[in-house]
Amino acid sequence: MDKKIQFIFRLYDVDRDGFISSTDLEAIFRLLINTSIKDDELTFIAKTFINEYSGNKDGRISMDDFTKLISHSFTELH
């Protein structure tokens, strides 16, 4: 499971700095979401998500934050 989580984390860490930032999420959203959404709306969504799930509220999600988020999501499904 750890290797799968690490792999997914690396997919979201677009700039490869070891953290998922709102900029990383915006890039992913652009790939996945219809381009009719305005830039400022995507920025708001990405920043809101990061602020919600950043463990120490530093504006980015660490591997530890991500692991907790994913693990919590899996336990809720079962």
C-alpha atoms as a PDB file:
ATOM      1  CA  MET A   1       0.000   0.000   0.000  1.00  0.00           C
ATOM      2  CA  ASP A   2       2.818   2.435   0.835  1.00  0.00           C
ATOM      3  CA  LYS A   3       4.309   2.168  -2.655  1.00  0.00           C
ATOM      4  CA  LYS A   4       0.927   2.852  -4.236  1.00  0.00           C
ATOM      5  CA  ILE A   5       0.429   5.934  -2.066  1.00  0.00           C
ATOM      6  CA  GLN A   6       3.931   7.170  -2.919  1.00  0.00           C
ATOM      7  CA  PHE A   7       3.246   6.651  -6.623  1.00  0.00           C
ATOM      8  CA  ILE A   8      -0.009   8.618  -6.467  1.00  0.00           C
ATOM      9  CA  PHE A   9       1.682  11.368  -4.446  1.00  0.00           C
ATOM     10  CA  ARG A  10       4.375  11.724  -7.122  1.00  0.00           C
ATOM     11  CA  LEU A  11       1.652  12.076  -9.781  1.00  0.00           C
ATOM     12  CA  TYR A  12       0.183  15.063  -7.928  1.00  0.00           C
ATOM     13  CA  ASP A  13       3.583  16.596  -7.087  1.00  0.00           C
ATOM     14  CA  VAL A  14       3.900  18.131 -10.546  1.00  0.00           C
ATOM     15  CA  ASP A  15       6.950  20.285  -9.795  1.00  0.00           C
ATOM     16  CA  ARG A  16       8.679  17.445  -7.922  1.00  0.00           C
ATOM     17  CA  ASP A  17       9.515  19.495  -4.837  1.00  0.00           C
ATOM     18  CA  GLY A  18       8.300  16.839  -2.392  1.00  0.00           C
ATOM     19  CA  PHE A  19       4.998  18.585  -1.649  1.00  0.00           C
ATOM     20  CA  ILE A  20       1.618  19.008  -3.301  1.00  0.00           C
ATOM     21  CA  SER A  21       0.874  22.714  -3.623  1.00  0.00           C
ATOM     22  CA  SER A  22      -2.102  24.598  -4.966  1.00  0.00           C
ATOM     23  CA  THR A  23      -0.083  25.175  -8.155  1.00  0.00           C
ATOM     24  CA  ASP A  24       0.363  21.408  -8.531  1.00  0.00           C
ATOM     25  CA  LEU A  25      -3.365  20.835  -8.049  1.00  0.00           C
ATOM     26  CA  GLU A  26      -4.265  23.547 -10.549  1.00  0.00           C
ATOM     27  CA  ALA A  27      -2.119  21.800 -13.156  1.00  0.00           C
ATOM     28  CA  ILE A  28      -3.847  18.479 -12.444  1.00  0.00           C
ATOM     29  CA  PHE A  29      -7.279  20.112 -12.497  1.00  0.00           C
ATOM     30  CA  ARG A  30      -6.514  21.640 -15.904  1.00  0.00           C
ATOM     31  CA  LEU A  31      -5.843  18.157 -17.225  1.00  0.00           C
ATOM     32  CA  LEU A  32      -8.991  16.660 -15.721  1.00  0.00           C
ATOM     33  CA  ILE A  33     -11.616  19.394 -15.733  1.00  0.00           C
ATOM     34  CA  ASN A  34     -13.381  21.135 -18.579  1.00  0.00           C
ATOM     35  CA  THR A  35     -11.482  24.241 -19.667  1.00  0.00           C
ATOM     36  CA  SER A  36     -14.620  26.362 -19.292  1.00  0.00           C
ATOM     37  CA  ILE A  37     -13.840  26.814 -15.598  1.00  0.00           C
ATOM     38  CA  LYS A  38     -12.192  30.160 -14.964  1.00  0.00           C
ATOM     39  CA  ASP A  39      -8.620  30.377 -13.699  1.00  0.00           C
ATOM     40  CA  ASP A  40      -9.634  32.146 -10.497  1.00  0.00           C
ATOM     41  CA  GLU A  41     -12.190  29.419  -9.742  1.00  0.00           C
ATOM     42  CA  LEU A  42      -9.587  26.668 -10.147  1.00  0.00           C
ATOM     43  CA  THR A  43      -7.179  28.623  -7.973  1.00  0.00           C
ATOM     44  CA  PHE A  44      -9.840  28.976  -5.269  1.00  0.00           C
ATOM     45  CA  ILE A  45     -10.673  25.263  -5.360  1.00  0.00           C
ATOM     46  CA  ALA A  46      -7.008  24.223  -5.228  1.00  0.00           C
ATOM     47  CA  LYS A  47      -6.142  26.603  -2.379  1.00  0.00           C
ATOM     48  CA  THR A  48      -9.216  25.578  -0.404  1.00  0.00           C
ATOM     49  CA  PHE A  49      -8.289  21.898  -0.735  1.00  0.00           C
ATOM     50  CA  ILE A  50      -4.671  22.533   0.267  1.00  0.00           C
ATOM     51  CA  ASN A  51      -5.704  24.626   3.273  1.00  0.00           C
ATOM     52  CA  GLU A  52      -8.126  21.931   4.389  1.00  0.00           C
ATOM     53  CA  TYR A  53      -5.671  19.038   4.215  1.00  0.00           C
ATOM     54  CA  SER A  54      -2.294  20.608   4.970  1.00  0.00           C
ATOM     55  CA  GLY A  55      -1.361  19.129   8.331  1.00  0.00           C
ATOM     56  CA  ASN A  56       0.578  22.134   9.581  1.00  0.00           C
ATOM     57  CA  LYS A  57      -1.332  24.708   7.495  1.00  0.00           C
ATOM     58  CA  ASP A  58       1.771  25.746   5.545  1.00  0.00           C
ATOM     59  CA  GLY A  59      -0.001  25.866   2.191  1.00  0.00           C
ATOM     60  CA  ARG A  60       1.188  22.498   0.933  1.00  0.00           C
ATOM     61  CA  ILE A  61       0.533  18.815   1.493  1.00  0.00           C
ATOM     62  CA  SER A  62       3.454  16.669   2.588  1.00  0.00           C
ATOM     63  CA  MET A  63       3.795  12.951   1.973  1.00  0.00           C
ATOM     64  CA  ASP A  64       2.740  12.406   5.596  1.00  0.00           C
ATOM     65  CA  ASP A  65      -0.370  14.594   5.142  1.00  0.00           C
ATOM     66  CA  PHE A  66      -1.217  12.752   1.923  1.00  0.00           C
ATOM     67  CA  THR A  67      -0.742   9.325   3.503  1.00  0.00           C
ATOM     68  CA  LYS A  68      -3.076  10.261   6.366  1.00  0.00           C
ATOM     69  CA  LEU A  69      -5.644  11.620   3.912  1.00  0.00           C
ATOM     70  CA  ILE A  70      -5.574   8.512   1.721  1.00  0.00           C
ATOM     71  CA  SER A  71      -5.533   6.099   4.659  1.00  0.00           C
ATOM     72  CA  HIS A  72      -8.481   7.893   6.258  1.00  0.00           C
ATOM     73  CA  SER A  73     -10.382   7.787   2.950  1.00  0.00           C
ATOM     74  CA  PHE A  74      -9.818   4.047   2.597  1.00  0.00           C
ATOM     75  CA  THR A  75     -10.960   3.306   6.138  1.00  0.00           C
ATOM     76  CA  GLU A  76     -14.155   5.287   5.560  1.00  0.00           C
ATOM     77  CA  LEU A  77     -14.936   3.151   2.510  1.00  0.00           C
ATOM     78  CA  HIS A  78     -14.763  -0.097   4.466  1.00  0.00           C
END
